[in-house]
Amino acid sequence: RFGPYGSKARPGRTVQVSLKTFNHSSTSRKLTFALNLPAGFEATPPTASVTIPPRTEKQTDFNLAIDTSVDPGTYVITADVQQEQWNLPRWAETIIEVE
């Protein structure tokens, strides 16, 4: 899940969002995240991998830079999640309201 679920920002600014993942299994799991961004948004890092111990939650932070050319409105950012054989496209989302 993303936290916060919704954020407000202005063009030319950066907003931080975090992807929080809980490993419910009894073994460590390596997850890879790739963000799907609208035009005018740039993520740092653009992708990230994390190894999560059993029954533990980890947080992965992303900084979203919003170009000055982005029009005001509501934008949805999604994350693709991959873990070994699982490929979960657009599995989590966060909403950015550009003012």
PDB file of N, CA and C in Angstrom:
ATOM      1  N   ARG A   1       0.836  -1.179   0.000  1.00  0.00           N
ATOM      2  CA  ARG A   1       0.000   0.000   0.000  1.00  0.00           C
ATOM      3  C   ARG A   1       0.876   1.237   0.000  1.00  0.00           C
ATOM      4  N   PHE A   2       0.364   2.299  -0.630  1.00  0.00           N
ATOM      5  CA  PHE A   2       1.064   3.579  -0.598  1.00  0.00           C
ATOM      6  C   PHE A   2       0.632   4.368   0.626  1.00  0.00           C
ATOM      7  N   GLY A   3       1.540   5.155   1.108  1.00  0.00           N
ATOM      8  CA  GLY A   3       1.220   6.107   2.163  1.00  0.00           C
ATOM      9  C   GLY A   3       1.980   7.385   1.879  1.00  0.00           C
ATOM     10  N   PRO A   4       1.381   8.507   1.940  1.00  0.00           N
ATOM     11  CA  PRO A   4      -0.057   8.640   2.108  1.00  0.00           C
ATOM     12  C   PRO A   4      -0.790   8.227   0.834  1.00  0.00           C
ATOM     13  N   TYR A   5      -2.071   7.935   1.005  1.00  0.00           N
ATOM     14  CA  TYR A   5      -2.861   7.539  -0.167  1.00  0.00           C
ATOM     15  C   TYR A   5      -3.084   8.735  -1.085  1.00  0.00           C
ATOM     16  N   GLY A   6      -3.235   9.907  -0.504  1.00  0.00           N
ATOM     17  CA  GLY A   6      -3.433  11.124  -1.288  1.00  0.00           C
ATOM     18  C   GLY A   6      -2.511  12.229  -0.821  1.00  0.00           C
ATOM     19  N   SER A   7      -1.997  13.008  -1.782  1.00  0.00           N
ATOM     20  CA  SER A   7      -1.104  14.134  -1.480  1.00  0.00           C
ATOM     21  C   SER A   7      -1.484  15.309  -2.362  1.00  0.00           C
ATOM     22  N   LYS A   8      -1.103  16.501  -1.901  1.00  0.00           N
ATOM     23  CA  LYS A   8      -1.263  17.710  -2.700  1.00  0.00           C
ATOM     24  C   LYS A   8       0.116  18.283  -2.969  1.00  0.00           C
ATOM     25  N   ALA A   9       0.287  18.830  -4.160  1.00  0.00           N
ATOM     26  CA  ALA A   9       1.580  19.410  -4.519  1.00  0.00           C
ATOM     27  C   ALA A   9       1.365  20.466  -5.594  1.00  0.00           C
ATOM     28  N   ARG A  10       2.380  21.268  -5.794  1.00  0.00           N
ATOM     29  CA  ARG A  10       2.358  22.299  -6.833  1.00  0.00           C
ATOM     30  C   ARG A  10       3.366  21.932  -7.921  1.00  0.00           C
ATOM     31  N   PRO A  11       3.110  22.356  -9.149  1.00  0.00           N
ATOM     32  CA  PRO A  11       4.107  22.121 -10.198  1.00  0.00           C
ATOM     33  C   PRO A  11       5.460  22.702  -9.784  1.00  0.00           C
ATOM     34  N   GLY A  12       6.522  22.005 -10.146  1.00  0.00           N
ATOM     35  CA  GLY A  12       7.868  22.443  -9.785  1.00  0.00           C
ATOM     36  C   GLY A  12       8.317  21.947  -8.430  1.00  0.00           C
ATOM     37  N   ARG A  13       7.472  21.230  -7.729  1.00  0.00           N
ATOM     38  CA  ARG A  13       7.804  20.735  -6.395  1.00  0.00           C
ATOM     39  C   ARG A  13       7.989  19.223  -6.414  1.00  0.00           C
ATOM     40  N   THR A  14       8.449  18.700  -5.294  1.00  0.00           N
ATOM     41  CA  THR A  14       8.637  17.266  -5.113  1.00  0.00           C
ATOM     42  C   THR A  14       7.797  16.816  -3.933  1.00  0.00           C
ATOM     43  N   VAL A  15       7.157  15.677  -4.073  1.00  0.00           N
ATOM     44  CA  VAL A  15       6.378  15.084  -2.989  1.00  0.00           C
ATOM     45  C   VAL A  15       6.907  13.674  -2.741  1.00  0.00           C
ATOM     46  N   GLN A  16       6.946  13.271  -1.469  1.00  0.00           N
ATOM     47  CA  GLN A  16       7.425  11.926  -1.143  1.00  0.00           C
ATOM     48  C   GLN A  16       6.234  11.013  -0.873  1.00  0.00           C
ATOM     49  N   VAL A  17       6.295   9.821  -1.452  1.00  0.00           N
ATOM     50  CA  VAL A  17       5.323   8.771  -1.163  1.00  0.00           C
ATOM     51  C   VAL A  17       6.107   7.523  -0.767  1.00  0.00           C
ATOM     52  N   SER A  18       5.461   6.681   0.012  1.00  0.00           N
ATOM     53  CA  SER A  18       6.114   5.461   0.491  1.00  0.00           C
ATOM     54  C   SER A  18       5.269   4.257   0.136  1.00  0.00           C
ATOM     55  N   LEU A  19       5.923   3.218  -0.310  1.00  0.00           N
ATOM     56  CA  LEU A  19       5.257   1.952  -0.588  1.00  0.00           C
ATOM     57  C   LEU A  19       5.556   1.030   0.591  1.00  0.00           C
ATOM     58  N   LYS A  20       4.518   0.639   1.305  1.00  0.00           N
ATOM     59  CA  LYS A  20       4.675  -0.198   2.494  1.00  0.00           C
ATOM     60  C   LYS A  20       4.209  -1.608   2.155  1.00  0.00           C
ATOM     61  N   THR A  21       5.069  -2.587   2.439  1.00  0.00           N
ATOM     62  CA  THR A  21       4.791  -3.964   2.064  1.00  0.00           C
ATOM     63  C   THR A  21       5.023  -4.876   3.259  1.00  0.00           C
ATOM     64  N   PHE A  22       4.069  -5.750   3.503  1.00  0.00           N
ATOM     65  CA  PHE A  22       4.179  -6.721   4.591  1.00  0.00           C
ATOM     66  C   PHE A  22       4.375  -8.108   3.996  1.00  0.00           C
ATOM     67  N   ASN A  23       5.374  -8.823   4.490  1.00  0.00           N
ATOM     68  CA  ASN A  23       5.639 -10.192   4.061  1.00  0.00           C
ATOM     69  C   ASN A  23       4.926 -11.137   5.031  1.00  0.00           C
ATOM     70  N   HIS A  24       3.840 -11.736   4.575  1.00  0.00           N
ATOM     71  CA  HIS A  24       3.059 -12.642   5.411  1.00  0.00           C
ATOM     72  C   HIS A  24       3.642 -14.055   5.462  1.00  0.00           C
ATOM     73  N   SER A  25       4.612 -14.346   4.603  1.00  0.00           N
ATOM     74  CA  SER A  25       5.128 -15.719   4.518  1.00  0.00           C
ATOM     75  C   SER A  25       6.154 -16.021   5.612  1.00  0.00           C
ATOM     76  N   SER A  26       6.568 -17.270   5.664  1.00  0.00           N
ATOM     77  CA  SER A  26       7.546 -17.708   6.668  1.00  0.00           C
ATOM     78  C   SER A  26       8.981 -17.647   6.152  1.00  0.00           C
ATOM     79  N   THR A  27       9.185 -17.147   4.923  1.00  0.00           N
ATOM     80  CA  THR A  27      10.524 -16.988   4.358  1.00  0.00           C
ATOM     81  C   THR A  27      10.699 -15.562   3.853  1.00  0.00           C
ATOM     82  N   SER A  28      11.942 -15.146   3.709  1.00  0.00           N
ATOM     83  CA  SER A  28      12.219 -13.819   3.156  1.00  0.00           C
ATOM     84  C   SER A  28      11.772 -13.761   1.705  1.00  0.00           C
ATOM     85  N   ARG A  29      11.332 -12.587   1.286  1.00  0.00           N
ATOM     86  CA  ARG A  29      10.881 -12.385  -0.098  1.00  0.00           C
ATOM     87  C   ARG A  29      11.530 -11.128  -0.653  1.00  0.00           C
ATOM     88  N   LYS A  30      11.983 -11.224  -1.908  1.00  0.00           N
ATOM     89  CA  LYS A  30      12.514 -10.055  -2.599  1.00  0.00           C
ATOM     90  C   LYS A  30      11.432  -9.533  -3.542  1.00  0.00           C
ATOM     91  N   LEU A  31      11.085  -8.261  -3.384  1.00  0.00           N
ATOM     92  CA  LEU A  31      10.080  -7.612  -4.212  1.00  0.00           C
ATOM     93  C   LEU A  31      10.734  -6.492  -5.008  1.00  0.00           C
ATOM     94  N   THR A  32      10.265  -6.321  -6.231  1.00  0.00           N
ATOM     95  CA  THR A  32      10.733  -5.216  -7.073  1.00  0.00           C
ATOM     96  C   THR A  32       9.522  -4.371  -7.443  1.00  0.00           C
ATOM     97  N   PHE A  33       9.676  -3.054  -7.304  1.00  0.00           N
ATOM     98  CA  PHE A  33       8.604  -2.107  -7.587  1.00  0.00           C
ATOM     99  C   PHE A  33       9.006  -1.219  -8.756  1.00  0.00           C
ATOM    100  N   ALA A  34       8.063  -0.976  -9.654  1.00  0.00           N
ATOM    101  CA  ALA A  34       8.258  -0.037 -10.760  1.00  0.00           C
ATOM    102  C   ALA A  34       7.042   0.880 -10.784  1.00  0.00           C
ATOM    103  N   LEU A  35       7.291   2.184 -10.756  1.00  0.00           N
ATOM    104  CA  LEU A  35       6.189   3.145 -10.745  1.00  0.00           C
ATOM    105  C   LEU A  35       5.735   3.460 -12.161  1.00  0.00           C
ATOM    106  N   ASN A  36       4.444   3.621 -12.322  1.00  0.00           N
ATOM    107  CA  ASN A  36       3.836   4.052 -13.579  1.00  0.00           C
ATOM    108  C   ASN A  36       3.423   5.507 -13.392  1.00  0.00           C
ATOM    109  N   LEU A  37       4.073   6.391 -14.140  1.00  0.00           N
ATOM    110  CA  LEU A  37       3.916   7.821 -13.907  1.00  0.00           C
ATOM    111  C   LEU A  37       3.253   8.530 -15.084  1.00  0.00           C
ATOM    112  N   PRO A  38       2.428   9.520 -14.786  1.00  0.00           N
ATOM    113  CA  PRO A  38       1.887  10.348 -15.867  1.00  0.00           C
ATOM    114  C   PRO A  38       2.982  11.250 -16.434  1.00  0.00           C
ATOM    115  N   ALA A  39       2.738  11.808 -17.604  1.00  0.00           N
ATOM    116  CA  ALA A  39       3.690  12.735 -18.222  1.00  0.00           C
ATOM    117  C   ALA A  39       3.943  13.904 -17.273  1.00  0.00           C
ATOM    118  N   GLY A  40       5.202  14.285 -17.173  1.00  0.00           N
ATOM    119  CA  GLY A  40       5.577  15.419 -16.329  1.00  0.00           C
ATOM    120  C   GLY A  40       5.956  15.041 -14.910  1.00  0.00           C
ATOM    121  N   PHE A  41       5.869  13.761 -14.569  1.00  0.00           N
ATOM    122  CA  PHE A  41       6.279  13.281 -13.250  1.00  0.00           C
ATOM    123  C   PHE A  41       7.551  12.462 -13.405  1.00  0.00           C
ATOM    124  N   GLU A  42       8.441  12.575 -12.445  1.00  0.00           N
ATOM    125  CA  GLU A  42       9.674  11.784 -12.447  1.00  0.00           C
ATOM    126  C   GLU A  42       9.915  11.254 -11.043  1.00  0.00           C
ATOM    127  N   ALA A  43      10.204   9.963 -10.931  1.00  0.00           N
ATOM    128  CA  ALA A  43      10.412   9.331  -9.630  1.00  0.00           C
ATOM    129  C   ALA A  43      11.885   9.069  -9.382  1.00  0.00           C
ATOM    130  N   THR A  44      12.282   9.274  -8.128  1.00  0.00           N
ATOM    131  CA  THR A  44      13.615   8.924  -7.675  1.00  0.00           C
ATOM    132  C   THR A  44      13.457   8.065  -6.429  1.00  0.00           C
ATOM    133  N   PRO A  45      13.843   6.808  -6.477  1.00  0.00           N
ATOM    134  CA  PRO A  45      14.303   6.075  -7.645  1.00  0.00           C
ATOM    135  C   PRO A  45      13.123   5.690  -8.545  1.00  0.00           C
ATOM    136  N   PRO A  46      13.367   5.424  -9.826  1.00  0.00           N
ATOM    137  CA  PRO A  46      12.269   5.007 -10.717  1.00  0.00           C
ATOM    138  C   PRO A  46      11.796   3.581 -10.440  1.00  0.00           C
ATOM    139  N   THR A  47      12.710   2.731  -9.966  1.00  0.00           N
ATOM    140  CA  THR A  47      12.379   1.371  -9.538  1.00  0.00           C
ATOM    141  C   THR A  47      13.154   1.085  -8.257  1.00  0.00           C
ATOM    142  N   ALA A  48      12.682   0.103  -7.510  1.00  0.00           N
ATOM    143  CA  ALA A  48      13.382  -0.260  -6.272  1.00  0.00           C
ATOM    144  C   ALA A  48      13.126  -1.728  -5.967  1.00  0.00           C
ATOM    145  N   SER A  49      14.108  -2.344  -5.336  1.00  0.00           N
ATOM    146  CA  SER A  49      13.969  -3.722  -4.867  1.00  0.00           C
ATOM    147  C   SER A  49      14.226  -3.754  -3.372  1.00  0.00           C
ATOM    148  N   VAL A  50      13.510  -4.624  -2.700  1.00  0.00           N
ATOM    149  CA  VAL A  50      13.669  -4.745  -1.252  1.00  0.00           C
ATOM    150  C   VAL A  50      13.487  -6.208  -0.868  1.00  0.00           C
ATOM    151  N   THR A  51      14.298  -6.671   0.067  1.00  0.00           N
ATOM    152  CA  THR A  51      14.131  -8.006   0.627  1.00  0.00           C
ATOM    153  C   THR A  51      13.496  -7.847   1.994  1.00  0.00           C
ATOM    154  N   ILE A  52      12.369  -8.530   2.179  1.00  0.00           N
ATOM    155  CA  ILE A  52      11.597  -8.387   3.405  1.00  0.00           C
ATOM    156  C   ILE A  52      11.655  -9.699   4.184  1.00  0.00           C
ATOM    157  N   PRO A  53      12.124  -9.635   5.434  1.00  0.00           N
ATOM    158  CA  PRO A  53      12.147 -10.839   6.267  1.00  0.00           C
ATOM    159  C   PRO A  53      10.725 -11.354   6.530  1.00  0.00           C
ATOM    160  N   PRO A  54      10.610 -12.587   6.990  1.00  0.00           N
ATOM    161  CA  PRO A  54       9.287 -13.146   7.269  1.00  0.00           C
ATOM    162  C   PRO A  54       8.511 -12.307   8.289  1.00  0.00           C
ATOM    163  N   ARG A  55       7.225 -12.159   8.034  1.00  0.00           N
ATOM    164  CA  ARG A  55       6.292 -11.494   8.950  1.00  0.00           C
ATOM    165  C   ARG A  55       6.777 -10.109   9.380  1.00  0.00           C
ATOM    166  N   THR A  56       7.275  -9.370   8.397  1.00  0.00           N
ATOM    167  CA  THR A  56       7.828  -8.035   8.638  1.00  0.00           C
ATOM    168  C   THR A  56       7.300  -7.075   7.585  1.00  0.00           C
ATOM    169  N   GLU A  57       7.141  -5.810   7.979  1.00  0.00           N
ATOM    170  CA  GLU A  57       6.760  -4.764   7.035  1.00  0.00           C
ATOM    171  C   GLU A  57       7.975  -3.889   6.749  1.00  0.00           C
ATOM    172  N   LYS A  58       8.144  -3.539   5.489  1.00  0.00           N
ATOM    173  CA  LYS A  58       9.213  -2.619   5.080  1.00  0.00           C
ATOM    174  C   LYS A  58       8.601  -1.496   4.276  1.00  0.00           C
ATOM    175  N   GLN A  59       9.280  -0.373   4.312  1.00  0.00           N
ATOM    176  CA  GLN A  59       8.837   0.818   3.595  1.00  0.00           C
ATOM    177  C   GLN A  59       9.887   1.224   2.579  1.00  0.00           C
ATOM    178  N   THR A  60       9.432   1.533   1.372  1.00  0.00           N
ATOM    179  CA  THR A  60      10.311   2.010   0.303  1.00  0.00           C
ATOM    180  C   THR A  60       9.830   3.396  -0.091  1.00  0.00           C
ATOM    181  N   ASP A  61      10.715   4.382   0.000  1.00  0.00           N
ATOM    182  CA  ASP A  61      10.353   5.774  -0.277  1.00  0.00           C
ATOM    183  C   ASP A  61      10.693   6.162  -1.710  1.00  0.00           C
ATOM    184  N   PHE A  62       9.812   6.966  -2.290  1.00  0.00           N
ATOM    185  CA  PHE A  62      10.009   7.517  -3.628  1.00  0.00           C
ATOM    186  C   PHE A  62       9.765   9.020  -3.568  1.00  0.00           C
ATOM    187  N   ASN A  63      10.616   9.780  -4.229  1.00  0.00           N
ATOM    188  CA  ASN A  63      10.398  11.218  -4.383  1.00  0.00           C
ATOM    189  C   ASN A  63       9.853  11.457  -5.782  1.00  0.00           C
ATOM    190  N   LEU A  64       8.705  12.116  -5.854  1.00  0.00           N
ATOM    191  CA  LEU A  64       8.066  12.400  -7.132  1.00  0.00           C
ATOM    192  C   LEU A  64       8.235  13.871  -7.459  1.00  0.00           C
ATOM    193  N   ALA A  65       9.037  14.150  -8.478  1.00  0.00           N
ATOM    194  CA  ALA A  65       9.234  15.524  -8.946  1.00  0.00           C
ATOM    195  C   ALA A  65       8.146  15.825  -9.973  1.00  0.00           C
ATOM    196  N   ILE A  66       7.486  16.962  -9.786  1.00  0.00           N
ATOM    197  CA  ILE A  66       6.402  17.366 -10.680  1.00  0.00           C
ATOM    198  C   ILE A  66       6.890  18.538 -11.510  1.00  0.00           C
ATOM    199  N   ASP A  67       6.954  18.340 -12.813  1.00  0.00           N
ATOM    200  CA  ASP A  67       7.451  19.371 -13.725  1.00  0.00           C
ATOM    201  C   ASP A  67       6.553  20.607 -13.680  1.00  0.00           C
ATOM    202  N   THR A  68       7.145  21.742 -13.976  1.00  0.00           N
ATOM    203  CA  THR A  68       6.373  22.995 -13.987  1.00  0.00           C
ATOM    204  C   THR A  68       5.322  23.019 -15.093  1.00  0.00           C
ATOM    205  N   SER A  69       5.431  22.127 -16.062  1.00  0.00           N
ATOM    206  CA  SER A  69       4.469  22.077 -17.172  1.00  0.00           C
ATOM    207  C   SER A  69       3.202  21.280 -16.841  1.00  0.00           C
ATOM    208  N   VAL A  70       3.158  20.614 -15.683  1.00  0.00           N
ATOM    209  CA  VAL A  70       2.010  19.782 -15.324  1.00  0.00           C
ATOM    210  C   VAL A  70       0.824  20.674 -14.973  1.00  0.00           C
ATOM    211  N   ASP A  71      -0.309  20.414 -15.616  1.00  0.00           N
ATOM    212  CA  ASP A  71      -1.534  21.178 -15.359  1.00  0.00           C
ATOM    213  C   ASP A  71      -2.147  20.774 -14.021  1.00  0.00           C
ATOM    214  N   PRO A  72      -2.847  21.693 -13.363  1.00  0.00           N
ATOM    215  CA  PRO A  72      -3.573  21.327 -12.143  1.00  0.00           C
ATOM    216  C   PRO A  72      -4.553  20.196 -12.433  1.00  0.00           C
ATOM    217  N   GLY A  73      -4.729  19.326 -11.465  1.00  0.00           N
ATOM    218  CA  GLY A  73      -5.654  18.197 -11.623  1.00  0.00           C
ATOM    219  C   GLY A  73      -5.283  17.062 -10.699  1.00  0.00           C
ATOM    220  N   THR A  74      -5.994  15.968 -10.840  1.00  0.00           N
ATOM    221  CA  THR A  74      -5.776  14.787 -10.014  1.00  0.00           C
ATOM    222  C   THR A  74      -5.090  13.713 -10.854  1.00  0.00           C
ATOM    223  N   TYR A  75      -3.985  13.187 -10.344  1.00  0.00           N
ATOM    224  CA  TYR A  75      -3.176  12.209 -11.061  1.00  0.00           C
ATOM    225  C   TYR A  75      -3.034  10.946 -10.216  1.00  0.00           C
ATOM    226  N   VAL A  76      -3.126   9.800 -10.888  1.00  0.00           N
ATOM    227  CA  VAL A  76      -2.987   8.511 -10.211  1.00  0.00           C
ATOM    228  C   VAL A  76      -1.632   7.916 -10.567  1.00  0.00           C
ATOM    229  N   ILE A  77      -0.883   7.558  -9.535  1.00  0.00           N
ATOM    230  CA  ILE A  77       0.407   6.883  -9.688  1.00  0.00           C
ATOM    231  C   ILE A  77       0.186   5.437  -9.260  1.00  0.00           C
ATOM    232  N   THR A  78       0.577   4.491 -10.089  1.00  0.00           N
ATOM    233  CA  THR A  78       0.454   3.080  -9.708  1.00  0.00           C
ATOM    234  C   THR A  78       1.839   2.446  -9.633  1.00  0.00           C
ATOM    235  N   ALA A  79       1.884   1.313  -8.958  1.00  0.00           N
ATOM    236  CA  ALA A  79       3.137   0.567  -8.833  1.00  0.00           C
ATOM    237  C   ALA A  79       2.927  -0.859  -9.300  1.00  0.00           C
ATOM    238  N   ASP A  80       3.826  -1.323 -10.168  1.00  0.00           N
ATOM    239  CA  ASP A  80       3.885  -2.727 -10.540  1.00  0.00           C
ATOM    240  C   ASP A  80       4.759  -3.426  -9.499  1.00  0.00           C
ATOM    241  N   VAL A  81       4.321  -4.599  -9.064  1.00  0.00           N
ATOM    242  CA  VAL A  81       5.065  -5.353  -8.053  1.00  0.00           C
ATOM    243  C   VAL A  81       5.432  -6.709  -8.661  1.00  0.00           C
ATOM    244  N   GLN A  82       6.707  -7.069  -8.519  1.00  0.00           N
ATOM    245  CA  GLN A  82       7.170  -8.365  -9.015  1.00  0.00           C
ATOM    246  C   GLN A  82       7.875  -9.089  -7.878  1.00  0.00           C
ATOM    247  N   GLN A  83       7.544 -10.375  -7.748  1.00  0.00           N
ATOM    248  CA  GLN A  83       8.188 -11.225  -6.742  1.00  0.00           C
ATOM    249  C   GLN A  83       8.263 -12.625  -7.311  1.00  0.00           C
ATOM    250  N   GLU A  84       9.471 -13.050  -7.649  1.00  0.00           N
ATOM    251  CA  GLU A  84       9.708 -14.347  -8.281  1.00  0.00           C
ATOM    252  C   GLU A  84       8.727 -14.561  -9.425  1.00  0.00           C
ATOM    253  N   GLN A  85       7.804 -15.516  -9.294  1.00  0.00           N
ATOM    254  CA  GLN A  85       6.898 -15.823 -10.400  1.00  0.00           C
ATOM    255  C   GLN A  85       5.693 -14.884 -10.458  1.00  0.00           C
ATOM    256  N   TRP A  86       5.493 -14.051  -9.478  1.00  0.00           N
ATOM    257  CA  TRP A  86       4.333 -13.164  -9.457  1.00  0.00           C
ATOM    258  C   TRP A  86       4.641 -11.854 -10.144  1.00  0.00           C
ATOM    259  N   ASN A  87       3.779 -11.460 -11.053  1.00  0.00           N
ATOM    260  CA  ASN A  87       3.879 -10.155 -11.700  1.00  0.00           C
ATOM    261  C   ASN A  87       2.530  -9.476 -11.485  1.00  0.00           C
ATOM    262  N   LEU A  88       2.513  -8.451 -10.655  1.00  0.00           N
ATOM    263  CA  LEU A  88       1.272  -7.792 -10.259  1.00  0.00           C
ATOM    264  C   LEU A  88       1.255  -6.359 -10.794  1.00  0.00           C
ATOM    265  N   PRO A  89       0.765  -6.160 -12.012  1.00  0.00           N
ATOM    266  CA  PRO A  89       0.763  -4.807 -12.591  1.00  0.00           C
ATOM    267  C   PRO A  89      -0.261  -3.906 -11.901  1.00  0.00           C
ATOM    268  N   ARG A  90       0.121  -2.653 -11.728  1.00  0.00           N
ATOM    269  CA  ARG A  90      -0.740  -1.625 -11.139  1.00  0.00           C
ATOM    270  C   ARG A  90      -1.373  -2.102  -9.829  1.00  0.00           C
ATOM    271  N   TRP A  91      -0.576  -2.721  -8.971  1.00  0.00           N
ATOM    272  CA  TRP A  91      -1.063  -3.371  -7.762  1.00  0.00           C
ATOM    273  C   TRP A  91      -1.433  -2.391  -6.653  1.00  0.00           C
ATOM    274  N   ALA A  92      -0.758  -1.268  -6.604  1.00  0.00           N
ATOM    275  CA  ALA A  92      -1.027  -0.270  -5.558  1.00  0.00           C
ATOM    276  C   ALA A  92      -1.115   1.091  -6.234  1.00  0.00           C
ATOM    277  N   GLU A  93      -1.825   2.015  -5.579  1.00  0.00           N
ATOM    278  CA  GLU A  93      -1.961   3.344  -6.170  1.00  0.00           C
ATOM    279  C   GLU A  93      -1.931   4.422  -5.105  1.00  0.00           C
ATOM    280  N   THR A  94      -1.532   5.601  -5.554  1.00  0.00           N
ATOM    281  CA  THR A  94      -1.593   6.811  -4.744  1.00  0.00           C
ATOM    282  C   THR A  94      -2.096   7.926  -5.657  1.00  0.00           C
ATOM    283  N   ILE A  95      -2.717   8.901  -5.054  1.00  0.00           N
ATOM    284  CA  ILE A  95      -3.308  10.017  -5.808  1.00  0.00           C
ATOM    285  C   ILE A  95      -2.561  11.303  -5.473  1.00  0.00           C
ATOM    286  N   ILE A  96      -2.158  12.033  -6.496  1.00  0.00           N
ATOM    287  CA  ILE A  96      -1.503  13.324  -6.308  1.00  0.00           C
ATOM    288  C   ILE A  96      -2.406  14.392  -6.891  1.00  0.00           C
ATOM    289  N   GLU A  97      -2.795  15.336  -6.074  1.00  0.00           N
ATOM    290  CA  GLU A  97      -3.597  16.462  -6.543  1.00  0.00           C
ATOM    291  C   GLU A  97      -2.645  17.640  -6.783  1.00  0.00           C
ATOM    292  N   VAL A  98      -2.489  18.006  -8.043  1.00  0.00           N
ATOM    293  CA  VAL A  98      -1.624  19.132  -8.396  1.00  0.00           C
ATOM    294  C   VAL A  98      -2.483  20.383  -8.380  1.00  0.00           C
ATOM    295  N   GLU A  99      -2.046  21.353  -7.587  1.00  0.00           N
ATOM    296  CA  GLU A  99      -2.827  22.592  -7.402  1.00  0.00           C
ATOM    297  C   GLU A  99      -2.346  23.696  -8.337  1.00  0.00           C
TER     298      GLU A  99
END
